[in-house]
Amino acid sequence: MAVSKVPQNSKLIITVENGVNAKGQPVQRQRSYKNVKVSAADADVYAVAQKIADLQTHAVIGISRQDEGNLMNA
């Protein structure tokens, strides 16, 4: 049985270091940006993420993309 994935939506997630907690451990926060075009190339999404990261006051420690889709019987 052949199964194919039909892309539905995608979002960009930028993880930043947001200081330290009472124990001195780093605190991380995620900034999510929805409605990324599913057809957008990863390099283009990363380039946009870097531009957004330049605007952050906190240190960026990670950039990721989360894609969702439906599985269909081909």
N, C-alpha and C. Protein backbone atom coordinates (compact mmCIF):
# COMPACT_ATOMS: atom_id res chain seq x y z
N MET A 1 0.85 -1.17 0.00
CA MET A 1 0.00 0.00 0.00
C MET A 1 0.90 1.23 0.00
N ALA A 2 0.66 2.13 -0.93
CA ALA A 2 1.42 3.38 -1.02
C ALA A 2 0.70 4.47 -0.24
N VAL A 3 1.45 5.18 0.55
CA VAL A 3 0.90 6.27 1.36
C VAL A 3 1.66 7.54 1.01
N SER A 4 0.94 8.62 0.85
CA SER A 4 1.59 9.90 0.57
C SER A 4 1.15 10.93 1.61
N LYS A 5 2.01 11.90 1.81
CA LYS A 5 1.73 12.96 2.78
C LYS A 5 1.28 14.21 2.03
N VAL A 6 0.16 14.77 2.45
CA VAL A 6 -0.35 16.01 1.88
C VAL A 6 -0.10 17.13 2.90
N PRO A 7 0.83 18.04 2.60
CA PRO A 7 1.14 19.10 3.56
C PRO A 7 -0.08 19.98 3.87
N GLN A 8 -0.25 20.33 5.14
CA GLN A 8 -1.38 21.15 5.56
C GLN A 8 -0.95 22.52 6.06
N ASN A 9 0.01 22.56 6.98
CA ASN A 9 0.50 23.84 7.48
C ASN A 9 1.90 23.69 8.04
N SER A 10 2.53 24.81 8.28
CA SER A 10 3.90 24.82 8.76
C SER A 10 4.09 26.04 9.65
N LYS A 11 5.00 25.91 10.62
CA LYS A 11 5.31 27.07 11.46
C LYS A 11 6.79 27.10 11.79
N LEU A 12 7.26 28.29 12.06
CA LEU A 12 8.64 28.55 12.40
C LEU A 12 8.73 28.73 13.91
N ILE A 13 9.71 28.09 14.52
CA ILE A 13 9.90 28.19 15.97
C ILE A 13 11.32 28.67 16.24
N ILE A 14 11.42 29.77 16.98
CA ILE A 14 12.72 30.30 17.39
C ILE A 14 12.82 30.17 18.90
N THR A 15 13.85 29.47 19.36
CA THR A 15 14.07 29.27 20.80
C THR A 15 15.12 30.28 21.28
N VAL A 16 14.77 31.00 22.34
CA VAL A 16 15.67 32.00 22.90
C VAL A 16 15.97 31.69 24.35
N GLU A 17 17.13 32.15 24.81
CA GLU A 17 17.48 32.02 26.23
C GLU A 17 16.97 33.27 26.92
N ASN A 18 16.13 33.05 27.92
CA ASN A 18 15.44 34.18 28.57
C ASN A 18 15.90 34.34 30.01
N GLY A 19 17.21 34.39 30.22
CA GLY A 19 17.74 34.57 31.57
C GLY A 19 17.98 33.25 32.28
N VAL A 20 18.00 33.32 33.61
CA VAL A 20 18.23 32.14 34.44
C VAL A 20 17.18 32.10 35.55
N ASN A 21 16.92 30.89 36.05
CA ASN A 21 15.96 30.75 37.14
C ASN A 21 16.67 30.91 38.48
N ALA A 22 15.96 30.67 39.58
CA ALA A 22 16.52 30.84 40.92
C ALA A 22 17.69 29.91 41.20
N LYS A 23 17.74 28.78 40.51
CA LYS A 23 18.83 27.82 40.70
C LYS A 23 20.03 28.10 39.78
N GLY A 24 19.92 29.15 38.99
CA GLY A 24 21.01 29.51 38.09
C GLY A 24 20.99 28.76 36.76
N GLN A 25 19.92 28.02 36.49
CA GLN A 25 19.81 27.28 35.24
C GLN A 25 19.19 28.17 34.17
N PRO A 26 19.64 28.01 32.92
CA PRO A 26 19.08 28.85 31.85
C PRO A 26 17.60 28.55 31.60
N VAL A 27 16.84 29.59 31.32
CA VAL A 27 15.42 29.48 31.00
C VAL A 27 15.25 29.71 29.51
N GLN A 28 14.56 28.78 28.85
CA GLN A 28 14.33 28.89 27.42
C GLN A 28 12.87 29.22 27.13
N ARG A 29 12.65 30.02 26.11
CA ARG A 29 11.31 30.36 25.65
C ARG A 29 11.26 30.14 24.15
N GLN A 30 10.08 29.77 23.67
CA GLN A 30 9.91 29.57 22.23
C GLN A 30 8.99 30.64 21.66
N ARG A 31 9.41 31.18 20.55
CA ARG A 31 8.60 32.13 19.80
C ARG A 31 8.13 31.40 18.54
N SER A 32 6.81 31.31 18.34
CA SER A 32 6.25 30.59 17.21
C SER A 32 5.63 31.55 16.20
N TYR A 33 5.86 31.27 14.94
CA TYR A 33 5.31 32.06 13.85
C TYR A 33 4.56 31.12 12.92
N LYS A 34 3.23 31.24 12.93
CA LYS A 34 2.37 30.35 12.15
C LYS A 34 2.24 30.83 10.71
N ASN A 35 1.56 30.02 9.93
CA ASN A 35 1.21 30.34 8.54
C ASN A 35 2.42 30.47 7.62
N VAL A 36 3.45 29.67 7.87
CA VAL A 36 4.57 29.60 6.94
C VAL A 36 4.09 28.77 5.74
N LYS A 37 4.37 29.22 4.54
CA LYS A 37 3.96 28.48 3.35
C LYS A 37 4.59 27.10 3.37
N VAL A 38 3.79 26.07 3.16
CA VAL A 38 4.32 24.71 3.17
C VAL A 38 5.27 24.48 2.00
N SER A 39 5.13 25.27 0.95
CA SER A 39 6.00 25.12 -0.23
C SER A 39 7.31 25.91 -0.10
N ALA A 40 7.47 26.68 0.96
CA ALA A 40 8.69 27.48 1.15
C ALA A 40 9.89 26.57 1.39
N ALA A 41 10.98 26.90 0.75
CA ALA A 41 12.22 26.13 0.92
C ALA A 41 12.77 26.34 2.33
N ASP A 42 13.40 25.30 2.86
CA ASP A 42 13.98 25.39 4.21
C ASP A 42 15.00 26.52 4.31
N ALA A 43 15.80 26.71 3.26
CA ALA A 43 16.81 27.77 3.28
C ALA A 43 16.14 29.15 3.38
N ASP A 44 15.01 29.32 2.71
CA ASP A 44 14.30 30.60 2.76
C ASP A 44 13.70 30.84 4.15
N VAL A 45 13.14 29.79 4.73
CA VAL A 45 12.56 29.90 6.08
C VAL A 45 13.67 30.23 7.08
N TYR A 46 14.82 29.60 6.92
CA TYR A 46 15.95 29.85 7.82
C TYR A 46 16.45 31.30 7.67
N ALA A 47 16.49 31.80 6.44
CA ALA A 47 16.94 33.18 6.21
C ALA A 47 16.00 34.17 6.89
N VAL A 48 14.70 33.92 6.82
CA VAL A 48 13.73 34.78 7.50
C VAL A 48 13.92 34.68 9.01
N ALA A 49 14.14 33.47 9.50
CA ALA A 49 14.35 33.27 10.94
C ALA A 49 15.57 34.04 11.43
N GLN A 50 16.62 34.07 10.63
CA GLN A 50 17.81 34.83 11.02
C GLN A 50 17.53 36.32 11.09
N LYS A 51 16.71 36.83 10.18
CA LYS A 51 16.34 38.25 10.22
C LYS A 51 15.51 38.56 11.47
N ILE A 52 14.60 37.64 11.81
CA ILE A 52 13.80 37.81 13.03
C ILE A 52 14.71 37.72 14.26
N ALA A 53 15.67 36.80 14.23
CA ALA A 53 16.60 36.62 15.35
C ALA A 53 17.40 37.88 15.61
N ASP A 54 17.72 38.61 14.55
CA ASP A 54 18.47 39.86 14.71
C ASP A 54 17.67 40.90 15.51
N LEU A 55 16.35 40.77 15.52
CA LEU A 55 15.49 41.71 16.23
C LEU A 55 15.26 41.32 17.69
N GLN A 56 15.67 40.12 18.08
CA GLN A 56 15.45 39.62 19.44
C GLN A 56 16.43 40.28 20.41
N THR A 57 15.96 40.55 21.62
CA THR A 57 16.86 41.08 22.64
C THR A 57 17.57 39.94 23.38
N HIS A 58 17.00 38.75 23.33
CA HIS A 58 17.60 37.58 23.99
C HIS A 58 18.40 36.76 22.98
N ALA A 59 19.33 35.97 23.48
CA ALA A 59 20.17 35.14 22.62
C ALA A 59 19.35 34.01 22.00
N VAL A 60 19.46 33.85 20.69
CA VAL A 60 18.77 32.77 19.98
C VAL A 60 19.62 31.52 20.09
N ILE A 61 19.00 30.42 20.56
CA ILE A 61 19.75 29.17 20.70
C ILE A 61 19.24 28.06 19.78
N GLY A 62 18.17 28.34 19.03
CA GLY A 62 17.69 27.32 18.11
C GLY A 62 16.63 27.84 17.15
N ILE A 63 16.66 27.31 15.94
CA ILE A 63 15.67 27.63 14.92
C ILE A 63 15.15 26.31 14.37
N SER A 64 13.83 26.16 14.34
CA SER A 64 13.26 24.92 13.81
C SER A 64 12.00 25.23 13.00
N ARG A 65 11.62 24.25 12.22
CA ARG A 65 10.41 24.34 11.41
C ARG A 65 9.57 23.11 11.72
N GLN A 66 8.28 23.33 11.95
CA GLN A 66 7.38 22.22 12.26
C GLN A 66 6.32 22.14 11.17
N ASP A 67 6.32 21.01 10.45
CA ASP A 67 5.37 20.79 9.37
C ASP A 67 4.32 19.78 9.80
N GLU A 68 3.08 20.01 9.37
CA GLU A 68 2.00 19.07 9.62
C GLU A 68 1.36 18.69 8.29
N GLY A 69 0.87 17.48 8.22
CA GLY A 69 0.24 17.02 7.00
C GLY A 69 -0.66 15.84 7.26
N ASN A 70 -1.49 15.54 6.28
CA ASN A 70 -2.38 14.39 6.35
C ASN A 70 -1.81 13.26 5.53
N LEU A 71 -1.94 12.04 6.04
CA LEU A 71 -1.49 10.87 5.31
C LEU A 71 -2.65 10.31 4.50
N MET A 72 -2.43 10.06 3.23
CA MET A 72 -3.48 9.59 2.34
C MET A 72 -3.05 8.29 1.67
N ASN A 73 -4.00 7.43 1.46
CA ASN A 73 -3.75 6.20 0.72
C ASN A 73 -3.70 6.56 -0.76
N ALA A 74 -2.57 6.28 -1.38
CA ALA A 74 -2.39 6.69 -2.78
C ALA A 74 -3.05 5.76 -3.74
